[in-house]
C-alpha cells in the first residue's frame, strides 16, 4: 500500500525570514493524521532569508539530519563545532542527553534551502555527537546510503534501525529499491519530478509505503529524492 502526501497539503508557515513547510505536525502546525511515520518524526522544508537563521536553542533525544539543497548554512553548537555547510552536504547531530546549537544563513544575498529531518532514537540519553560530510560523486540513477544503524558503507551511524538513502537522478534515470519483509519506506522528493511505481510525484511530494516489496523511481525531470527504509 502506498499513501501519498502532496506538497500543498503540508503545514505551511511564513515567519518573515523563514518560509517553511512541515510534512508532519510541528510547532504550531498540528494534524493528528500526520504525526510522523514509523520512527520518522520531522521533515521540514525550510527556506531561510539571507542574514537570518535559528538562534541558539536546545534539543535532546533526537537524531537530526540536515540536507542542504542550495545556499549555505552556518552551524555552531555547544560541543564546539562550527562549520558552513554547502549544497550536497549532510549534517548529522545526535542530541542525546542535550545539545544547544544555532543555524544561520551567512550569505548577504542568497537564500538557503534545506531539509531538516528528525528521527526518533531507539535509546535515550547518551553523549551528544556531531558530524558532517560532503557526499561524493555517485553515478546518476543509484541510491547512496547516508545514514544507517551500523554506519555501514561510510554512512552516519544513527541510534535507530533506519536507513536513509539519497538518489540524484538525471532526466530518464531510474533507481530501484527492495524492501525486506516487515520494512516500510517514506519517499520524499526534494526537488524535481519522478514517477514512483506509476504515480507522479513533484517537488515536496512524498509517499508512505507499507506492504510493498519493490520501489521504482523514474526521473521525469532532474531530481533529488530521499528514501527512508524503516522498521
Protein backbone atom coordinates (compact mmCIF):
# COMPACT_ATOMS: atom_id res chain seq x y z
CA UNK A 1 0.00 0.00 0.00
CA UNK A 2 1.25 3.46 -0.92
CA UNK A 3 -0.24 6.59 0.68
CA UNK A 4 0.63 9.88 -0.99
CA UNK A 5 1.34 13.16 0.80
CA UNK A 6 1.14 16.05 -1.65
CA UNK A 7 3.33 19.11 -1.13
CA UNK A 8 0.44 21.58 -0.92
CA UNK A 9 -1.25 19.52 1.80
CA UNK A 10 1.63 20.02 4.24
CA UNK A 11 1.63 22.55 7.03
CA UNK A 12 2.94 25.95 5.89
CA UNK A 13 4.22 28.93 7.84
CA UNK A 14 5.98 32.15 6.91
CA UNK A 15 7.89 33.90 9.68
CA UNK A 16 9.35 36.78 7.71
CA UNK A 17 12.86 35.38 7.23
CA UNK A 18 11.69 31.75 7.24
CA UNK A 19 9.37 30.08 4.74
CA UNK A 20 8.76 26.54 5.95
CA UNK A 21 6.65 23.52 5.02
CA UNK A 22 6.02 20.78 7.57
CA UNK A 23 5.43 17.24 6.31
CA UNK A 24 4.41 16.19 9.83
CA UNK A 25 2.93 18.03 12.81
CA UNK A 26 5.46 20.53 14.10
CA UNK A 27 5.38 23.70 16.19
CA UNK A 28 2.02 25.42 15.67
CA UNK A 29 1.02 23.03 12.85
CA UNK A 30 -0.94 20.06 14.17
CA UNK A 31 -2.64 17.31 12.21
CA UNK A 32 -3.34 14.07 14.12
CA UNK A 33 -3.29 12.18 10.81
CA UNK A 34 0.31 13.24 10.20
CA UNK A 35 2.29 12.92 13.42
CA UNK A 36 5.15 11.11 11.73
CA UNK A 37 5.74 7.79 10.03
CA UNK A 38 7.31 4.93 11.98
CA UNK A 39 10.44 6.43 13.60
CA UNK A 40 10.50 9.37 11.16
CA UNK A 41 9.15 12.36 13.08
CA UNK A 42 10.03 15.55 11.16
CA UNK A 43 10.75 16.67 7.61
CA UNK A 44 10.84 20.45 7.48
CA UNK A 45 11.38 22.05 4.07
CA UNK A 46 12.98 25.37 5.06
CA UNK A 47 13.96 28.44 3.05
CA UNK A 48 15.99 30.91 5.11
CA UNK A 49 16.44 34.51 4.01
CA UNK A 50 19.97 35.97 3.70
CA UNK A 51 21.49 37.01 7.01
CA UNK A 52 18.93 35.17 9.15
CA UNK A 53 18.58 31.87 10.92
CA UNK A 54 17.70 29.93 14.05
CA UNK A 55 19.22 31.37 17.22
CA UNK A 56 20.80 29.17 19.85
CA UNK A 57 18.31 26.58 21.10
CA UNK A 58 18.37 23.12 22.62
CA UNK A 59 17.47 19.56 21.62
CA UNK A 60 17.60 16.20 23.33
CA UNK A 61 16.82 12.59 22.44
CA UNK A 62 16.53 13.08 18.69
CA UNK A 63 18.59 12.08 15.65
CA UNK A 64 18.78 15.19 13.44
CA UNK A 65 19.96 15.26 9.82
CA UNK A 66 20.12 18.34 7.62
CA UNK A 67 20.47 18.14 3.84
CA UNK A 68 21.38 21.36 2.07
CA UNK A 69 19.76 21.83 -1.33
CA UNK A 70 21.02 25.33 -2.13
CA UNK A 71 22.77 28.26 -0.44
CA UNK A 72 24.88 28.00 2.72
CA UNK A 73 24.18 27.16 6.36
CA UNK A 74 26.49 28.02 9.24
CA UNK A 75 26.33 25.64 12.20
CA UNK A 76 27.59 26.29 15.74
CA UNK A 77 26.94 24.12 18.79
CA UNK A 78 27.73 23.63 22.46
CA UNK A 79 30.10 20.78 21.56
CA UNK A 80 32.45 23.29 19.98
CA UNK A 81 31.62 22.51 16.36
CA UNK A 82 31.35 25.28 13.80
CA UNK A 83 31.22 24.95 10.05
CA UNK A 84 29.48 26.24 6.92
CA UNK A 85 27.51 23.52 5.13
CA UNK A 86 27.12 23.81 1.36
CA UNK A 87 24.85 22.21 -1.29
CA UNK A 88 25.14 18.46 -1.47
CA UNK A 89 26.45 18.20 2.08
CA UNK A 90 24.74 16.48 5.01
CA UNK A 91 24.96 17.35 8.70
CA UNK A 92 24.20 14.85 11.49
CA UNK A 93 23.62 15.62 15.14
CA UNK A 94 22.62 13.10 17.79
CA UNK A 95 21.12 15.28 20.51
CA UNK A 96 21.37 12.59 23.18
CA UNK A 97 21.25 13.97 26.73
CA UNK A 98 21.18 17.52 25.40
CA UNK A 99 22.90 19.89 22.98
CA UNK A 100 22.47 23.54 22.05
CA UNK A 101 23.11 24.88 18.56
CA UNK A 102 22.36 27.64 16.08
CA UNK A 103 21.82 27.51 12.31
CA UNK A 104 22.37 30.67 10.28
CA UNK A 105 22.41 31.69 6.63
CA UNK A 106 25.73 33.58 6.35
CA UNK A 107 25.05 34.95 2.85
CA UNK A 108 24.02 38.58 2.45
CA UNK A 109 22.44 37.89 -0.94
CA UNK A 110 21.27 34.31 -1.38
CA UNK A 111 18.55 32.37 0.42
CA UNK A 112 19.27 28.95 1.86
CA UNK A 113 17.11 25.91 1.09
CA UNK A 114 17.37 22.82 3.26
CA UNK A 115 15.56 19.79 4.57
CA UNK A 116 15.73 19.18 8.31
CA UNK A 117 14.96 15.61 9.33
CA UNK A 118 14.27 14.23 12.81
CA UNK A 119 14.31 10.51 13.55
CA UNK A 120 13.29 9.23 16.97
CA UNK A 121 16.16 7.30 18.57
CA UNK A 122 15.93 3.76 19.87
CA UNK A 123 17.64 4.81 23.09
CA UNK A 124 17.50 7.91 25.25
CA UNK A 125 20.30 9.88 26.82
CA UNK A 126 23.90 9.24 25.94
CA UNK A 127 26.54 11.68 24.80
CA UNK A 128 25.52 14.07 22.02
CA UNK A 129 27.61 13.92 18.86
CA UNK A 130 28.05 15.79 15.61
CA UNK A 131 29.37 15.01 12.12
CA UNK A 132 29.08 16.40 8.62
CA UNK A 133 30.34 15.40 5.22
CA UNK A 134 30.21 16.19 1.55
CA UNK A 135 28.64 13.43 -0.46
CA UNK A 136 30.98 12.04 -3.05
CA UNK A 137 30.06 11.73 -6.68
CA UNK A 138 27.50 8.97 -7.13
CA UNK A 139 26.55 7.74 -10.60
CA UNK A 140 23.17 9.10 -11.53
CA UNK A 141 20.41 6.57 -11.12
CA UNK A 142 21.85 4.98 -8.00
CA UNK A 143 20.90 5.31 -4.34
CA UNK A 144 23.59 6.50 -1.92
CA UNK A 145 23.37 5.43 1.72
CA UNK A 146 23.50 8.48 4.01
CA UNK A 147 22.63 7.04 7.43
CA UNK A 148 22.14 3.59 8.95
CA UNK A 149 22.07 1.83 12.31
CA UNK A 150 25.52 0.32 11.85
CA UNK A 151 27.18 3.09 9.85
CA UNK A 152 27.83 0.66 7.02
CA UNK A 153 29.38 1.76 3.74
CA UNK A 154 30.63 5.00 5.27
CA UNK A 155 27.18 6.25 6.31
CA UNK A 156 26.39 8.10 9.54
CA UNK A 157 25.76 5.61 12.36
CA UNK A 158 22.48 6.66 13.97
CA UNK A 159 20.58 5.45 17.02
CA UNK A 160 17.74 3.82 15.11
CA UNK A 161 17.17 0.84 12.81
CA UNK A 162 16.61 3.10 9.83
CA UNK A 163 18.39 3.66 6.54
CA UNK A 164 18.37 6.99 4.73
CA UNK A 165 19.20 6.88 1.02
CA UNK A 166 19.68 9.74 -1.47
CA UNK A 167 19.11 9.47 -5.22
CA UNK A 168 20.33 12.18 -7.60
CA UNK A 169 18.59 11.48 -10.88
CA UNK A 170 19.02 12.98 -14.33
CA UNK A 171 16.10 13.05 -16.78
CA UNK A 172 15.19 9.49 -17.70
CA UNK A 173 17.19 7.80 -14.95
CA UNK A 174 15.66 5.01 -12.89
CA UNK A 175 16.65 3.89 -9.38
CA UNK A 176 15.16 0.87 -7.63
CA UNK A 177 14.96 -0.28 -4.02
CA UNK A 178 13.75 -3.53 -2.50
CA UNK A 179 12.16 -3.55 0.96
CA UNK A 180 12.80 -6.53 3.21
CA UNK A 181 9.90 -8.20 5.00
CA UNK A 182 8.22 -6.06 7.69
CA UNK A 183 10.06 -2.93 6.48
CA UNK A 184 8.41 0.32 5.46
CA UNK A 185 9.51 3.28 3.36
CA UNK A 186 9.00 7.00 3.14
CA UNK A 187 9.94 8.72 -0.13
CA UNK A 188 10.36 12.50 -0.24
CA UNK A 189 11.05 14.42 -3.45
CA UNK A 190 13.49 17.18 -2.50
CA UNK A 191 13.33 18.70 -5.97
CA UNK A 192 12.31 17.70 -9.48
CA UNK A 193 9.67 15.21 -10.54
CA UNK A 194 9.61 11.42 -10.50
CA UNK A 195 7.26 8.55 -11.19
CA UNK A 196 7.06 6.19 -8.21
CA UNK A 197 5.51 2.84 -9.11
CA UNK A 198 3.34 4.59 -11.69
CA UNK A 199 2.38 7.71 -9.67
CA UNK A 200 3.86 11.14 -10.42
CA UNK A 201 5.46 12.97 -7.51
CA UNK A 202 6.76 16.53 -7.77
CA UNK A 203 8.99 18.65 -5.54
CA UNK A 204 7.78 18.45 -1.93
CA UNK A 205 5.54 15.44 -2.56
CA UNK A 206 6.02 12.28 -0.52
CA UNK A 207 4.76 8.74 -0.18
CA UNK A 208 4.36 6.32 2.74
CA UNK A 209 4.95 2.70 1.74
CA UNK A 210 3.75 -0.39 3.63
CA UNK A 211 3.33 -4.00 2.45
CA UNK A 212 5.25 -3.37 -0.76
CA UNK A 213 8.47 -5.01 -1.86
CA UNK A 214 9.78 -3.23 -4.95
CA UNK A 215 10.10 0.53 -5.44
CA UNK A 216 10.92 2.09 -8.81
CA UNK A 217 11.87 5.77 -9.01
CA UNK A 218 11.94 7.14 -12.57
CA UNK A 219 13.02 10.74 -13.15
CA UNK A 220 10.66 12.78 -15.32
CA UNK A 221 12.88 15.81 -14.59
CA UNK A 222 16.32 16.12 -12.95
CA UNK A 223 15.53 15.22 -9.34
CA UNK A 224 16.81 14.64 -5.83
CA UNK A 225 14.93 12.08 -3.77
CA UNK A 226 15.26 10.91 -0.15
CA UNK A 227 14.23 7.35 0.63
CA UNK A 228 13.82 6.20 4.24
CA UNK A 229 13.84 2.42 4.84
CA UNK A 230 12.23 2.00 8.28
CA UNK A 231 11.45 -0.82 10.70
